[in-house]
Protein backbone atom coordinates (compact mmCIF):
# COMPACT_ATOMS: atom_id res chain seq x y z
CA UNK A 1 171.36 -34.99 -83.82
CA UNK A 2 170.80 -31.24 -83.30
CA UNK A 3 167.81 -29.11 -84.41
CA UNK A 4 165.85 -32.14 -85.40
CA UNK A 5 163.71 -32.43 -87.39
CA UNK A 6 165.06 -30.01 -90.03
CA UNK A 7 162.61 -28.43 -92.38
CA UNK A 8 163.87 -30.49 -95.31
CA UNK A 9 163.67 -33.77 -93.42
CA UNK A 10 160.14 -32.99 -92.27
CA UNK A 11 159.11 -31.87 -95.76
CA UNK A 12 160.32 -35.11 -97.33
CA UNK A 13 158.57 -37.32 -94.76
CA UNK A 14 155.28 -35.45 -95.03
CA UNK A 15 155.27 -35.33 -98.84
CA UNK A 16 155.97 -39.06 -99.03
CA UNK A 17 153.10 -39.70 -96.59
CA UNK A 18 150.80 -37.64 -98.84
CA UNK A 19 152.06 -39.36 -102.03
CA UNK A 20 151.32 -42.75 -100.42
CA UNK A 21 147.86 -41.64 -99.34
CA UNK A 22 147.04 -40.07 -102.75
CA UNK A 23 148.02 -43.32 -104.47
CA UNK A 24 145.51 -45.24 -102.41
CA UNK A 25 147.89 -46.66 -99.81
CA UNK A 26 148.16 -46.03 -96.10
CA UNK A 27 149.43 -42.47 -95.78
CA UNK A 28 152.83 -43.11 -94.28
CA UNK A 29 156.29 -41.84 -95.37
CA UNK A 30 159.84 -42.29 -94.15
CA UNK A 31 163.39 -41.22 -94.82
CA UNK A 32 166.88 -42.27 -93.63
CA UNK A 33 169.22 -39.43 -92.67
CA UNK A 34 172.86 -39.55 -91.77
CA UNK A 35 174.58 -37.73 -88.90
CA UNK A 36 174.59 -34.48 -90.92
CA UNK A 37 170.80 -34.83 -91.51
CA UNK A 38 171.37 -35.49 -95.18
CA UNK A 39 168.65 -37.73 -96.62
CA UNK A 40 170.28 -40.93 -97.91
CA UNK A 41 167.19 -43.09 -98.38
CA UNK A 42 163.44 -42.64 -98.62
CA UNK A 43 160.24 -44.63 -99.00
CA UNK A 44 156.48 -44.64 -98.66
CA UNK A 45 153.84 -47.20 -97.87
CA UNK A 46 153.04 -49.12 -101.08
CA UNK A 47 151.14 -52.18 -99.88
CA UNK A 48 148.35 -51.68 -102.45
CA UNK A 49 150.54 -50.58 -105.37
CA UNK A 50 150.83 -52.96 -108.29
CA UNK A 51 154.28 -51.87 -109.48
CA UNK A 52 157.39 -50.52 -107.85
CA UNK A 53 160.87 -49.48 -108.86
CA UNK A 54 164.08 -51.45 -108.73
CA UNK A 55 164.65 -50.42 -105.13
CA UNK A 56 161.00 -50.46 -104.09
CA UNK A 57 158.82 -53.11 -102.53
CA UNK A 58 155.18 -52.87 -103.56
CA UNK A 59 151.94 -54.85 -103.66
CA UNK A 60 152.80 -56.74 -100.47
CA UNK A 61 151.84 -56.50 -96.77
CA UNK A 62 155.59 -56.00 -96.20
CA UNK A 63 155.72 -52.82 -98.29
CA UNK A 64 155.76 -50.45 -95.34
CA UNK A 65 157.22 -46.95 -95.69
CA UNK A 66 160.13 -47.76 -93.34
CA UNK A 67 160.93 -50.97 -95.18
CA UNK A 68 161.05 -49.12 -98.48
CA UNK A 69 163.22 -46.37 -97.01
CA UNK A 70 165.71 -49.01 -95.86
CA UNK A 71 165.36 -50.99 -99.11
CA UNK A 72 166.28 -47.84 -101.07
CA UNK A 73 169.74 -47.99 -99.50
CA UNK A 74 170.54 -50.83 -101.90
CA UNK A 75 171.43 -53.36 -99.31
CA UNK A 76 174.01 -51.14 -97.60
CA UNK A 77 173.86 -51.07 -93.85
CA UNK A 78 173.63 -47.63 -92.26
CA UNK A 79 175.26 -47.51 -88.81
CA UNK A 80 174.84 -44.15 -87.11
CA UNK A 81 171.89 -43.19 -89.33
CA UNK A 82 168.37 -42.30 -88.19
CA UNK A 83 165.11 -43.56 -89.64
CA UNK A 84 162.51 -40.78 -89.58
CA UNK A 85 158.89 -41.92 -90.12
CA UNK A 86 155.52 -40.23 -90.06
CA UNK A 87 153.91 -42.90 -87.82
CA UNK A 88 155.14 -45.02 -84.95
CA UNK A 89 156.89 -48.09 -86.40
CA UNK A 90 155.57 -51.62 -86.15
CA UNK A 91 157.75 -54.57 -84.93
CA UNK A 92 158.55 -55.51 -88.51
CA UNK A 93 160.06 -52.13 -89.24
CA UNK A 94 161.89 -51.92 -85.95
CA UNK A 95 163.49 -55.29 -86.65
CA UNK A 96 164.46 -54.28 -90.20
CA UNK A 97 166.04 -51.10 -88.85
CA UNK A 98 168.10 -53.22 -86.45
CA UNK A 99 169.28 -55.43 -89.37
CA UNK A 100 170.44 -52.23 -91.14
CA UNK A 101 172.23 -51.11 -87.95
CA UNK A 102 170.09 -47.95 -87.71
CA UNK A 103 170.91 -46.17 -84.44
CA UNK A 104 167.73 -44.13 -83.93
CA UNK A 105 164.10 -44.09 -85.03
CA UNK A 106 162.18 -40.81 -84.84
CA UNK A 107 158.44 -40.78 -85.45
CA UNK A 108 155.85 -37.99 -85.62
CA UNK A 109 152.49 -39.60 -85.05
CA UNK A 110 151.23 -42.21 -82.60
CA UNK A 111 149.83 -45.49 -83.86
CA UNK A 112 147.70 -47.17 -81.15
CA UNK A 113 148.25 -50.58 -82.72
CA UNK A 114 152.04 -50.26 -82.65
CA UNK A 115 153.05 -47.70 -80.01
CA UNK A 116 155.42 -49.38 -77.60
CA UNK A 117 156.00 -52.28 -79.99
CA UNK A 118 159.69 -52.25 -79.17
CA UNK A 119 162.15 -50.38 -77.03
CA UNK A 120 165.82 -49.82 -77.66
CA UNK A 121 167.19 -52.79 -75.78
CA UNK A 122 170.01 -55.29 -76.33
CA UNK A 123 169.34 -58.87 -77.33
CA UNK A 124 172.47 -60.98 -77.85
CA UNK A 125 174.50 -59.40 -80.61
CA UNK A 126 171.52 -57.34 -81.76
CA UNK A 127 170.72 -53.86 -80.49
CA UNK A 128 167.40 -52.32 -81.38
CA UNK A 129 167.37 -48.63 -82.34
CA UNK A 130 166.34 -45.99 -79.84
CA UNK A 131 162.76 -44.95 -80.60
CA UNK A 132 161.68 -41.37 -79.96
CA UNK A 133 158.36 -39.64 -80.48
CA UNK A 134 158.83 -36.12 -81.82
CA UNK A 135 156.05 -34.71 -79.66
CA UNK A 136 156.73 -31.09 -80.50
CA UNK A 137 155.87 -31.49 -84.16
CA UNK A 138 152.74 -29.60 -85.15
CA UNK A 139 152.40 -32.15 -87.97
CA UNK A 140 151.83 -35.10 -85.61
CA UNK A 141 148.09 -34.85 -86.17
CA UNK A 142 148.54 -35.00 -89.96
CA UNK A 143 150.66 -38.13 -89.57
CA UNK A 144 148.08 -39.78 -87.33
CA UNK A 145 145.01 -38.85 -89.34
CA UNK A 146 146.19 -39.83 -92.88
CA UNK A 147 146.38 -43.62 -92.09
CA UNK A 148 143.05 -43.37 -90.31
CA UNK A 149 141.45 -41.79 -93.40
CA UNK A 150 143.08 -44.53 -95.51
CA UNK A 151 141.41 -47.13 -93.34
CA UNK A 152 137.98 -45.41 -93.67
CA UNK A 153 138.34 -45.24 -97.43
CA UNK A 154 139.51 -48.84 -97.84
CA UNK A 155 137.43 -50.64 -95.26
CA UNK A 156 134.54 -48.35 -94.33
CA UNK A 157 133.77 -46.55 -91.14
CA UNK A 158 133.47 -49.68 -89.09
CA UNK A 159 136.93 -51.09 -89.90
CA UNK A 160 138.81 -52.92 -87.13
CA UNK A 161 141.72 -50.51 -87.31
CA UNK A 162 139.44 -47.48 -86.96
CA UNK A 163 137.83 -49.06 -83.91
CA UNK A 164 141.25 -49.22 -82.26
CA UNK A 165 141.63 -45.51 -82.89
CA UNK A 166 138.16 -44.88 -81.44
CA UNK A 167 139.35 -46.21 -78.13
CA UNK A 168 142.63 -44.24 -78.03
CA UNK A 169 141.90 -41.03 -80.01
CA UNK A 170 138.15 -40.37 -80.10
CA UNK A 171 138.93 -36.64 -80.39
CA UNK A 172 140.21 -37.19 -83.91
CA UNK A 173 137.28 -39.15 -85.37
CA UNK A 174 135.24 -36.17 -86.56
CA UNK A 175 138.29 -34.69 -88.33
CA UNK A 176 139.02 -38.09 -89.91
CA UNK A 177 135.53 -38.40 -91.37
CA UNK A 178 135.50 -34.80 -92.63
CA UNK A 179 138.91 -35.14 -94.26
CA UNK A 180 137.88 -38.42 -95.87
CA UNK A 181 134.91 -36.64 -97.47
CA UNK A 182 137.26 -33.87 -98.75
CA UNK A 183 139.65 -36.39 -100.35
CA UNK A 184 137.49 -39.08 -101.99
CA UNK A 185 139.30 -42.23 -103.12
CA UNK A 186 138.64 -43.86 -106.48
CA UNK A 187 140.12 -46.98 -108.11
CA UNK A 188 143.32 -45.06 -108.89
CA UNK A 189 143.70 -43.19 -105.62
CA UNK A 190 143.01 -39.57 -104.72
CA UNK A 191 143.05 -37.35 -107.77
CA UNK A 192 143.45 -33.64 -108.40
CA UNK A 193 144.50 -32.60 -104.93
CA UNK A 194 148.04 -31.28 -104.31
CA UNK A 195 149.94 -31.61 -101.07
CA UNK A 196 149.52 -27.86 -100.44
CA UNK A 197 145.72 -28.03 -100.98
CA UNK A 198 145.47 -31.13 -98.80
CA UNK A 199 147.28 -29.62 -95.88
CA UNK A 200 145.13 -26.46 -96.01
CA UNK A 201 141.98 -28.61 -96.13
CA UNK A 202 143.31 -30.71 -93.27
CA UNK A 203 143.88 -27.82 -90.91
CA UNK A 204 140.45 -26.40 -91.75
CA UNK A 205 138.94 -29.54 -90.16
CA UNK A 206 140.04 -28.37 -86.69
CA UNK A 207 138.28 -25.57 -84.82
CA UNK A 208 141.60 -24.43 -83.31
CA UNK A 209 143.28 -24.00 -86.69
CA UNK A 210 146.53 -22.04 -86.18
CA UNK A 211 146.68 -18.59 -87.81
CA UNK A 212 149.70 -19.77 -89.76
CA UNK A 213 149.97 -23.21 -91.19
CA UNK A 214 152.85 -25.28 -89.78
CA UNK A 215 156.09 -25.03 -91.72
CA UNK A 216 156.63 -27.07 -94.89
């Protein structure tokens, strides 16, 4: 897959991550693209949502962004396609991608609780997808911080998940707390803040804010 990620692929992943976060879920988004980088499926984390669509899983610990992106394919397997996700996939999502015959998984942000959960290896008749971190993405920080902020808002600043981040990414903690204060969560999620406003606020939390905001 050449010139990956394309602007449109990146835009869709990031916007779904924000939509998930703004709805009060963990801020994670995912899309499925074919060999031409055309988006054929998409999803977001909806584990706290009470209702979903006909091709959406919600209100369940299984309602991960990657699962919903695969679920949106309508039960059709997707050999040769790539699952693009904002955060490193967990074992559940890697296994689901294998069931759907996904060839590759590309992720933007590290997740210390799941990084290295699986490698692309053969097991009997099953072959797990190749898993690649898109380290050059300037949006990796966004993808890592949103779920951390979600954890702070849902479980407080002493949550178990946040403590795992404290050990692996202590450099992000101040930005996480500042961004959480900028985007307060109520019973219906984050209100009145657009994706564009959120990304500008996000980059303002870093002292080395780039002169130009990353694309998308």
